[in-house]
PDB file of N, CA and C in Angstrom:
ATOM      1  N   MET A   1       8.336 -20.516 -60.902  1.00  0.00           N
ATOM      2  CA  MET A   1       8.044 -21.336 -59.676  1.00  0.00           C
ATOM      3  C   MET A   1       7.168 -20.265 -58.825  1.00  0.00           C
ATOM      4  N   ASN A   2       6.203 -20.715 -58.280  1.00  0.00           N
ATOM      5  CA  ASN A   2       5.122 -19.528 -57.652  1.00  0.00           C
ATOM      6  C   ASN A   2       5.498 -19.577 -56.159  1.00  0.00           C
ATOM      7  N   THR A   3       5.836 -18.710 -55.755  1.00  0.00           N
ATOM      8  CA  THR A   3       5.994 -18.833 -53.990  1.00  0.00           C
ATOM      9  C   THR A   3       5.035 -17.672 -53.249  1.00  0.00           C
ATOM     10  N   THR A   4       4.650 -18.454 -52.397  1.00  0.00           N
ATOM     11  CA  THR A   4       3.870 -17.769 -51.085  1.00  0.00           C
ATOM     12  C   THR A   4       4.588 -16.864 -50.427  1.00  0.00           C
ATOM     13  N   PHE A   5       4.099 -15.783 -50.223  1.00  0.00           N
ATOM     14  CA  PHE A   5       5.120 -14.636 -49.259  1.00  0.00           C
ATOM     15  C   PHE A   5       4.366 -15.006 -47.815  1.00  0.00           C
ATOM     16  N   ALA A   6       5.558 -14.817 -46.537  1.00  0.00           N
ATOM     17  CA  ALA A   6       4.799 -14.965 -45.246  1.00  0.00           C
ATOM     18  C   ALA A   6       3.944 -13.762 -45.118  1.00  0.00           C
ATOM     19  N   ASN A   7       4.244 -12.320 -45.726  1.00  0.00           N
ATOM     20  CA  ASN A   7       3.318 -11.284 -45.259  1.00  0.00           C
ATOM     21  C   ASN A   7       2.638 -11.105 -46.516  1.00  0.00           C
ATOM     22  N   PRO A   8       1.510 -11.048 -46.181  1.00  0.00           N
ATOM     23  CA  PRO A   8       0.464 -10.930 -47.139  1.00  0.00           C
ATOM     24  C   PRO A   8       0.419  -9.252 -47.343  1.00  0.00           C
ATOM     25  N   ILE A   9      -0.466  -8.858 -48.265  1.00  0.00           N
ATOM     26  CA  ILE A   9      -0.302  -7.485 -48.676  1.00  0.00           C
ATOM     27  C   ILE A   9      -0.907  -6.490 -47.305  1.00  0.00           C
ATOM     28  N   ASP A  10      -1.716  -7.057 -46.691  1.00  0.00           N
ATOM     29  CA  ASP A  10      -2.559  -6.260 -45.403  1.00  0.00           C
ATOM     30  C   ASP A  10      -1.254  -5.965 -44.689  1.00  0.00           C
ATOM     31  N   PHE A  11      -0.283  -6.372 -44.619  1.00  0.00           N
ATOM     32  CA  PHE A  11       1.117  -6.120 -43.829  1.00  0.00           C
ATOM     33  C   PHE A  11       2.019  -5.178 -44.241  1.00  0.00           C
ATOM     34  N   VAL A  12       1.870  -4.908 -45.606  1.00  0.00           N
ATOM     35  CA  VAL A  12       2.774  -4.082 -46.301  1.00  0.00           C
ATOM     36  C   VAL A  12       2.063  -2.557 -46.473  1.00  0.00           C
ATOM     37  N   LYS A  13       3.115  -1.558 -46.145  1.00  0.00           N
ATOM     38  CA  LYS A  13       2.681  -0.134 -46.745  1.00  0.00           C
ATOM     39  C   LYS A  13       2.672  -0.409 -48.256  1.00  0.00           C
ATOM     40  N   THR A  14       1.542   0.050 -48.958  1.00  0.00           N
ATOM     41  CA  THR A  14       1.773   0.306 -50.172  1.00  0.00           C
ATOM     42  C   THR A  14       1.690   1.330 -51.049  1.00  0.00           C
ATOM     43  N   ASN A  15       1.589   2.654 -49.979  1.00  0.00           N
ATOM     44  CA  ASN A  15       1.319   3.878 -50.510  1.00  0.00           C
ATOM     45  C   ASN A  15       2.879   4.541 -50.203  1.00  0.00           C
ATOM     46  N   GLU A  16       3.799   3.650 -49.593  1.00  0.00           N
ATOM     47  CA  GLU A  16       4.900   4.448 -49.686  1.00  0.00           C
ATOM     48  C   GLU A  16       5.915   4.546 -50.843  1.00  0.00           C
ATOM     49  N   LYS A  17       6.513   5.599 -51.127  1.00  0.00           N
ATOM     50  CA  LYS A  17       7.478   5.893 -52.093  1.00  0.00           C
ATOM     51  C   LYS A  17       8.898   5.136 -51.828  1.00  0.00           C
ATOM     52  N   PHE A  18       8.707   4.071 -52.560  1.00  0.00           N
ATOM     53  CA  PHE A  18       9.923   3.403 -52.495  1.00  0.00           C
ATOM     54  C   PHE A  18      10.311   2.630 -53.654  1.00  0.00           C
ATOM     55  N   SER A  19      11.801   2.567 -54.052  1.00  0.00           N
ATOM     56  CA  SER A  19      12.112   2.271 -55.376  1.00  0.00           C
ATOM     57  C   SER A  19      13.212   1.099 -54.713  1.00  0.00           C
ATOM     58  N   TYR A  20      13.256   0.059 -55.524  1.00  0.00           N
ATOM     59  CA  TYR A  20      14.242  -1.217 -55.133  1.00  0.00           C
ATOM     60  C   TYR A  20      15.368  -0.873 -55.435  1.00  0.00           C
ATOM     61  N   VAL A  21      16.377  -1.441 -54.412  1.00  0.00           N
ATOM     62  CA  VAL A  21      17.730  -1.325 -54.424  1.00  0.00           C
ATOM     63  C   VAL A  21      18.482  -2.061 -55.816  1.00  0.00           C
ATOM     64  N   LYS A  22      19.052  -1.221 -56.214  1.00  0.00           N
ATOM     65  CA  LYS A  22      19.952  -1.460 -57.639  1.00  0.00           C
ATOM     66  C   LYS A  22      21.383  -1.746 -57.594  1.00  0.00           C
ATOM     67  N   ASP A  23      21.761  -1.201 -56.439  1.00  0.00           N
ATOM     68  CA  ASP A  23      23.347  -1.470 -56.335  1.00  0.00           C
ATOM     69  C   ASP A  23      23.822  -1.453 -54.789  1.00  0.00           C
ATOM     70  N   ILE A  24      24.602  -2.375 -54.299  1.00  0.00           N
ATOM     71  CA  ILE A  24      24.938  -2.779 -53.220  1.00  0.00           C
ATOM     72  C   ILE A  24      25.383  -1.562 -52.254  1.00  0.00           C
ATOM     73  N   LEU A  25      25.788  -0.785 -52.782  1.00  0.00           N
ATOM     74  CA  LEU A  25      26.105   0.818 -52.489  1.00  0.00           C
ATOM     75  C   LEU A  25      25.031   1.570 -51.636  1.00  0.00           C
ATOM     76  N   GLU A  26      23.931   1.169 -52.191  1.00  0.00           N
ATOM     77  CA  GLU A  26      22.911   2.177 -51.434  1.00  0.00           C
ATOM     78  C   GLU A  26      22.356   1.430 -49.984  1.00  0.00           C
ATOM     79  N   ILE A  27      22.970   0.225 -49.770  1.00  0.00           N
ATOM     80  CA  ILE A  27      23.006  -0.182 -48.700  1.00  0.00           C
ATOM     81  C   ILE A  27      23.693   0.004 -47.292  1.00  0.00           C
ATOM     82  N   ARG A  28      23.573   0.677 -46.162  1.00  0.00           N
ATOM     83  CA  ARG A  28      24.371   0.710 -45.212  1.00  0.00           C
ATOM     84  C   ARG A  28      24.106   0.028 -43.898  1.00  0.00           C
ATOM     85  N   VAL A  29      24.596  -0.594 -43.240  1.00  0.00           N
ATOM     86  CA  VAL A  29      24.342  -0.910 -41.725  1.00  0.00           C
ATOM     87  C   VAL A  29      25.207  -0.231 -40.770  1.00  0.00           C
ATOM     88  N   GLU A  30      24.436   0.365 -39.571  1.00  0.00           N
ATOM     89  CA  GLU A  30      25.275   0.398 -38.770  1.00  0.00           C
ATOM     90  C   GLU A  30      25.063  -0.251 -37.502  1.00  0.00           C
ATOM     91  N   TRP A  31      26.303  -0.826 -36.972  1.00  0.00           N
ATOM     92  CA  TRP A  31      26.166  -1.718 -35.671  1.00  0.00           C
ATOM     93  C   TRP A  31      26.115  -1.156 -34.188  1.00  0.00           C
ATOM     94  N   GLY A  32      25.652  -1.779 -33.393  1.00  0.00           N
ATOM     95  CA  GLY A  32      25.702  -1.076 -32.083  1.00  0.00           C
ATOM     96  C   GLY A  32      25.049  -2.068 -31.265  1.00  0.00           C
ATOM     97  N   ALA A  33      24.849  -1.610 -30.063  1.00  0.00           N
ATOM     98  CA  ALA A  33      24.185  -2.363 -28.922  1.00  0.00           C
ATOM     99  C   ALA A  33      22.892  -1.763 -28.458  1.00  0.00           C
ATOM    100  N   TYR A  34      22.271  -2.555 -27.837  1.00  0.00           N
ATOM    101  CA  TYR A  34      20.746  -2.213 -27.311  1.00  0.00           C
ATOM    102  C   TYR A  34      20.463  -3.012 -26.111  1.00  0.00           C
ATOM    103  N   GLY A  35      20.615  -2.681 -25.006  1.00  0.00           N
ATOM    104  CA  GLY A  35      20.306  -3.268 -23.661  1.00  0.00           C
ATOM    105  C   GLY A  35      21.240  -4.543 -23.759  1.00  0.00           C
ATOM    106  N   GLY A  36      22.465  -4.702 -24.224  1.00  0.00           N
ATOM    107  CA  GLY A  36      23.542  -5.588 -24.126  1.00  0.00           C
ATOM    108  C   GLY A  36      23.188  -6.574 -25.236  1.00  0.00           C
ATOM    109  N   ALA A  37      22.298  -6.429 -26.308  1.00  0.00           N
ATOM    110  CA  ALA A  37      22.323  -7.165 -27.592  1.00  0.00           C
ATOM    111  C   ALA A  37      22.787  -6.128 -28.654  1.00  0.00           C
ATOM    112  N   VAL A  38      23.039  -7.057 -29.597  1.00  0.00           N
ATOM    113  CA  VAL A  38      23.660  -6.410 -30.963  1.00  0.00           C
ATOM    114  C   VAL A  38      22.517  -5.821 -31.605  1.00  0.00           C
ATOM    115  N   ARG A  39      22.781  -4.834 -32.076  1.00  0.00           N
ATOM    116  CA  ARG A  39      21.670  -4.148 -32.852  1.00  0.00           C
ATOM    117  C   ARG A  39      22.180  -3.616 -34.493  1.00  0.00           C
ATOM    118  N   ALA A  40      21.361  -3.980 -35.433  1.00  0.00           N
ATOM    119  CA  ALA A  40      21.596  -3.716 -36.712  1.00  0.00           C
ATOM    120  C   ALA A  40      20.218  -2.641 -37.166  1.00  0.00           C
ATOM    121  N   ASP A  41      21.188  -1.133 -37.447  1.00  0.00           N
ATOM    122  CA  ASP A  41      20.249  -0.446 -38.246  1.00  0.00           C
ATOM    123  C   ASP A  41      20.359  -0.391 -39.554  1.00  0.00           C
ATOM    124  N   ILE A  42      19.382  -0.614 -40.535  1.00  0.00           N
ATOM    125  CA  ILE A  42      19.806  -0.786 -41.865  1.00  0.00           C
ATOM    126  C   ILE A  42      19.101   0.377 -42.642  1.00  0.00           C
ATOM    127  N   PHE A  43      20.020   0.858 -43.259  1.00  0.00           N
ATOM    128  CA  PHE A  43      19.792   1.754 -44.184  1.00  0.00           C
ATOM    129  C   PHE A  43      19.550   1.914 -45.753  1.00  0.00           C
ATOM    130  N   ILE A  44      18.782   2.513 -46.613  1.00  0.00           N
ATOM    131  CA  ILE A  44      18.655   2.346 -48.022  1.00  0.00           C
ATOM    132  C   ILE A  44      18.831   3.637 -48.470  1.00  0.00           C
ATOM    133  N   ARG A  45      19.753   4.024 -49.103  1.00  0.00           N
ATOM    134  CA  ARG A  45      20.208   5.316 -49.641  1.00  0.00           C
ATOM    135  C   ARG A  45      19.956   6.306 -48.753  1.00  0.00           C
ATOM    136  N   ASP A  46      20.764   6.182 -47.328  1.00  0.00           N
ATOM    137  CA  ASP A  46      20.901   7.096 -46.160  1.00  0.00           C
ATOM    138  C   ASP A  46      19.633   7.169 -45.391  1.00  0.00           C
ATOM    139  N   ASP A  47      18.524   6.284 -45.730  1.00  0.00           N
ATOM    140  CA  ASP A  47      17.020   6.755 -44.976  1.00  0.00           C
ATOM    141  C   ASP A  47      16.769   5.389 -44.385  1.00  0.00           C
ATOM    142  N   LEU A  48      16.701   5.332 -43.044  1.00  0.00           N
ATOM    143  CA  LEU A  48      16.390   4.377 -41.946  1.00  0.00           C
ATOM    144  C   LEU A  48      15.221   3.772 -42.577  1.00  0.00           C
ATOM    145  N   PHE A  49      15.434   2.426 -42.850  1.00  0.00           N
ATOM    146  CA  PHE A  49      14.318   1.210 -43.275  1.00  0.00           C
ATOM    147  C   PHE A  49      13.794   0.220 -42.223  1.00  0.00           C
ATOM    148  N   ALA A  50      15.096  -0.172 -41.320  1.00  0.00           N
ATOM    149  CA  ALA A  50      14.742  -1.206 -40.610  1.00  0.00           C
ATOM    150  C   ALA A  50      15.774  -1.560 -39.342  1.00  0.00           C
ATOM    151  N   VAL A  51      15.339  -2.032 -38.246  1.00  0.00           N
ATOM    152  CA  VAL A  51      16.136  -2.149 -37.244  1.00  0.00           C
ATOM    153  C   VAL A  51      16.089  -3.524 -36.871  1.00  0.00           C
ATOM    154  N   LEU A  52      17.179  -4.512 -36.400  1.00  0.00           N
ATOM    155  CA  LEU A  52      17.328  -5.719 -36.141  1.00  0.00           C
ATOM    156  C   LEU A  52      17.878  -5.679 -34.639  1.00  0.00           C
ATOM    157  N   ILE A  53      17.449  -6.330 -33.892  1.00  0.00           N
ATOM    158  CA  ILE A  53      18.002  -6.422 -32.482  1.00  0.00           C
ATOM    159  C   ILE A  53      18.016  -8.063 -32.346  1.00  0.00           C
ATOM    160  N   GLU A  54      19.271  -8.437 -31.890  1.00  0.00           N
ATOM    161  CA  GLU A  54      19.367  -9.932 -31.289  1.00  0.00           C
ATOM    162  C   GLU A  54      18.516 -10.282 -30.212  1.00  0.00           C
ATOM    163  N   GLY A  55      17.972 -11.117 -30.478  1.00  0.00           N
ATOM    164  CA  GLY A  55      16.753 -11.860 -29.509  1.00  0.00           C
ATOM    165  C   GLY A  55      15.350 -11.609 -30.238  1.00  0.00           C
ATOM    166  N   GLU A  56      15.189 -10.475 -30.704  1.00  0.00           N
ATOM    167  CA  GLU A  56      13.999  -9.752 -31.007  1.00  0.00           C
ATOM    168  C   GLU A  56      13.537 -10.629 -32.482  1.00  0.00           C
ATOM    169  N   LYS A  57      12.370 -11.017 -32.325  1.00  0.00           N
ATOM    170  CA  LYS A  57      11.638 -11.837 -33.829  1.00  0.00           C
ATOM    171  C   LYS A  57      10.417 -11.085 -33.948  1.00  0.00           C
ATOM    172  N   PRO A  58      10.322 -10.654 -35.155  1.00  0.00           N
ATOM    173  CA  PRO A  58      10.666 -10.091 -35.956  1.00  0.00           C
ATOM    174  C   PRO A  58      11.513  -8.913 -35.423  1.00  0.00           C
ATOM    175  N   GLY A  59      12.241  -8.116 -36.457  1.00  0.00           N
ATOM    176  CA  GLY A  59      12.551  -6.848 -36.437  1.00  0.00           C
ATOM    177  C   GLY A  59      11.639  -5.736 -36.992  1.00  0.00           C
ATOM    178  N   TRP A  60      11.961  -4.518 -36.901  1.00  0.00           N
ATOM    179  CA  TRP A  60      11.047  -3.500 -37.383  1.00  0.00           C
ATOM    180  C   TRP A  60      11.437  -3.066 -38.544  1.00  0.00           C
ATOM    181  N   SER A  61      10.305  -2.390 -39.397  1.00  0.00           N
ATOM    182  CA  SER A  61      10.626  -2.070 -40.607  1.00  0.00           C
ATOM    183  C   SER A  61       9.576  -0.780 -41.033  1.00  0.00           C
ATOM    184  N   VAL A  62       9.904   0.173 -41.364  1.00  0.00           N
ATOM    185  CA  VAL A  62       9.009   1.286 -41.891  1.00  0.00           C
ATOM    186  C   VAL A  62       8.075   0.861 -43.015  1.00  0.00           C
ATOM    187  N   LEU A  63       8.429  -0.036 -43.677  1.00  0.00           N
ATOM    188  CA  LEU A  63       7.703  -0.503 -44.799  1.00  0.00           C
ATOM    189  C   LEU A  63       6.333  -1.708 -44.227  1.00  0.00           C
ATOM    190  N   ALA A  64       6.331  -1.960 -43.060  1.00  0.00           N
ATOM    191  CA  ALA A  64       5.526  -2.903 -42.385  1.00  0.00           C
ATOM    192  C   ALA A  64       4.029  -2.042 -41.933  1.00  0.00           C
ATOM    193  N   ALA A  65       3.141  -2.322 -42.427  1.00  0.00           N
ATOM    194  CA  ALA A  65       1.688  -1.618 -42.270  1.00  0.00           C
ATOM    195  C   ALA A  65       1.489  -1.962 -40.824  1.00  0.00           C
ATOM    196  N   LYS A  66       1.808  -2.970 -40.224  1.00  0.00           N
ATOM    197  CA  LYS A  66       0.978  -3.602 -38.906  1.00  0.00           C
ATOM    198  C   LYS A  66       2.091  -4.562 -38.568  1.00  0.00           C
ATOM    199  N   ASN A  67       2.201  -5.020 -37.465  1.00  0.00           N
ATOM    200  CA  ASN A  67       3.141  -6.189 -37.084  1.00  0.00           C
ATOM    201  C   ASN A  67       2.442  -7.353 -37.639  1.00  0.00           C
ATOM    202  N   GLY A  68       3.588  -8.148 -38.033  1.00  0.00           N
ATOM    203  CA  GLY A  68       3.346  -9.353 -38.862  1.00  0.00           C
ATOM    204  C   GLY A  68       4.383 -10.232 -38.744  1.00  0.00           C
ATOM    205  N   PRO A  69       4.249 -11.407 -39.247  1.00  0.00           N
ATOM    206  CA  PRO A  69       5.345 -12.435 -39.196  1.00  0.00           C
ATOM    207  C   PRO A  69       6.900 -12.306 -39.719  1.00  0.00           C
ATOM    208  N   LEU A  70       6.707 -11.402 -40.203  1.00  0.00           N
ATOM    209  CA  LEU A  70       8.294 -11.006 -41.090  1.00  0.00           C
ATOM    210  C   LEU A  70       8.811  -9.718 -40.402  1.00  0.00           C
ATOM    211  N   ALA A  71       7.952  -8.766 -39.998  1.00  0.00           N
ATOM    212  CA  ALA A  71       8.355  -7.391 -39.241  1.00  0.00           C
ATOM    213  C   ALA A  71       7.181  -6.875 -38.716  1.00  0.00           C
ATOM    214  N   LYS A  72       7.866  -6.009 -37.662  1.00  0.00           N
ATOM    215  CA  LYS A  72       6.980  -5.273 -36.892  1.00  0.00           C
ATOM    216  C   LYS A  72       6.906  -3.678 -37.219  1.00  0.00           C
ATOM    217  N   ALA A  73       5.839  -2.954 -37.356  1.00  0.00           N
ATOM    218  CA  ALA A  73       5.614  -2.062 -38.126  1.00  0.00           C
ATOM    219  C   ALA A  73       6.346  -1.033 -37.267  1.00  0.00           C
ATOM    220  N   GLY A  74       6.949  -0.045 -37.949  1.00  0.00           N
ATOM    221  CA  GLY A  74       7.810   1.094 -37.185  1.00  0.00           C
ATOM    222  C   GLY A  74       7.441   2.546 -37.935  1.00  0.00           C
ATOM    223  N   VAL A  75       7.904   3.648 -37.285  1.00  0.00           N
ATOM    224  CA  VAL A  75       7.966   4.904 -37.754  1.00  0.00           C
ATOM    225  C   VAL A  75       9.514   5.199 -37.487  1.00  0.00           C
ATOM    226  N   VAL A  76       9.977   6.045 -38.527  1.00  0.00           N
ATOM    227  CA  VAL A  76      10.943   7.164 -38.364  1.00  0.00           C
ATOM    228  C   VAL A  76      10.880   8.469 -37.916  1.00  0.00           C
ATOM    229  N   MET A  77      11.846   8.839 -36.795  1.00  0.00           N
ATOM    230  CA  MET A  77      11.897  10.346 -36.006  1.00  0.00           C
ATOM    231  C   MET A  77      13.032  10.254 -36.253  1.00  0.00           C
ATOM    232  N   VAL A  78      13.347  11.770 -36.268  1.00  0.00           N
ATOM    233  CA  VAL A  78      14.684  12.218 -36.204  1.00  0.00           C
ATOM    234  C   VAL A  78      14.780  12.987 -34.629  1.00  0.00           C
ATOM    235  N   VAL A  79      15.748  12.558 -33.993  1.00  0.00           N
ATOM    236  CA  VAL A  79      16.056  13.007 -32.678  1.00  0.00           C
ATOM    237  C   VAL A  79      17.718  13.511 -32.373  1.00  0.00           C
ATOM    238  N   LYS A  80      17.654  14.516 -32.158  1.00  0.00           N
ATOM    239  CA  LYS A  80      19.072  14.990 -32.120  1.00  0.00           C
ATOM    240  C   LYS A  80      19.745  15.207 -33.266  1.00  0.00           C
ATOM    241  N   GLY A  81      18.963  14.854 -34.229  1.00  0.00           N
ATOM    242  CA  GLY A  81      19.477  15.131 -35.668  1.00  0.00           C
ATOM    243  C   GLY A  81      20.089  13.427 -36.248  1.00  0.00           C
ATOM    244  N   LYS A  82      19.713  12.691 -35.459  1.00  0.00           N
ATOM    245  CA  LYS A  82      19.798  11.102 -35.803  1.00  0.00           C
ATOM    246  C   LYS A  82      18.535  10.549 -36.109  1.00  0.00           C
ATOM    247  N   GLN A  83      18.326   9.817 -37.517  1.00  0.00           N
ATOM    248  CA  GLN A  83      17.142   9.075 -37.667  1.00  0.00           C
ATOM    249  C   GLN A  83      17.242   7.928 -36.615  1.00  0.00           C
ATOM    250  N   VAL A  84      15.896   7.717 -36.105  1.00  0.00           N
ATOM    251  CA  VAL A  84      15.491   6.812 -34.946  1.00  0.00           C
ATOM    252  C   VAL A  84      14.238   5.802 -35.283  1.00  0.00           C
ATOM    253  N   LEU A  85      14.332   4.545 -35.279  1.00  0.00           N
ATOM    254  CA  LEU A  85      13.092   4.003 -35.599  1.00  0.00           C
ATOM    255  C   LEU A  85      12.224   3.621 -34.199  1.00  0.00           C
ATOM    256  N   TYR A  86      11.057   4.108 -34.538  1.00  0.00           N
ATOM    257  CA  TYR A  86      10.224   3.727 -33.351  1.00  0.00           C
ATOM    258  C   TYR A  86       9.022   2.444 -33.311  1.00  0.00           C
ATOM    259  N   GLY A  87       8.911   1.381 -32.714  1.00  0.00           N
ATOM    260  CA  GLY A  87       7.788   0.570 -32.987  1.00  0.00           C
ATOM    261  C   GLY A  87       6.581   1.260 -32.629  1.00  0.00           C
ATOM    262  N   GLN A  88       5.696   0.552 -33.573  1.00  0.00           N
ATOM    263  CA  GLN A  88       4.251   1.324 -33.129  1.00  0.00           C
ATOM    264  C   GLN A  88       3.259   0.157 -32.458  1.00  0.00           C
TER     265      GLN A  88
END
């Protein structure tokens, strides 16, 4: 089956060192709240990769090169010892 993806290559960071998930234990989700909405911080091997916030479409990802139909571009910073993803 040939599938067309909604995010063309221009929207994906291709220079990032990323290896695919091989085990469900490599994924962790931290649930919280943001401005009264449900927030999910998604970690892969303890690195923050994406943030989803209820009512925000799409969410943010460090693998997004620029804002697109499946993800907004984000960058991870460490603030007070915690990884935080900021939109660009």
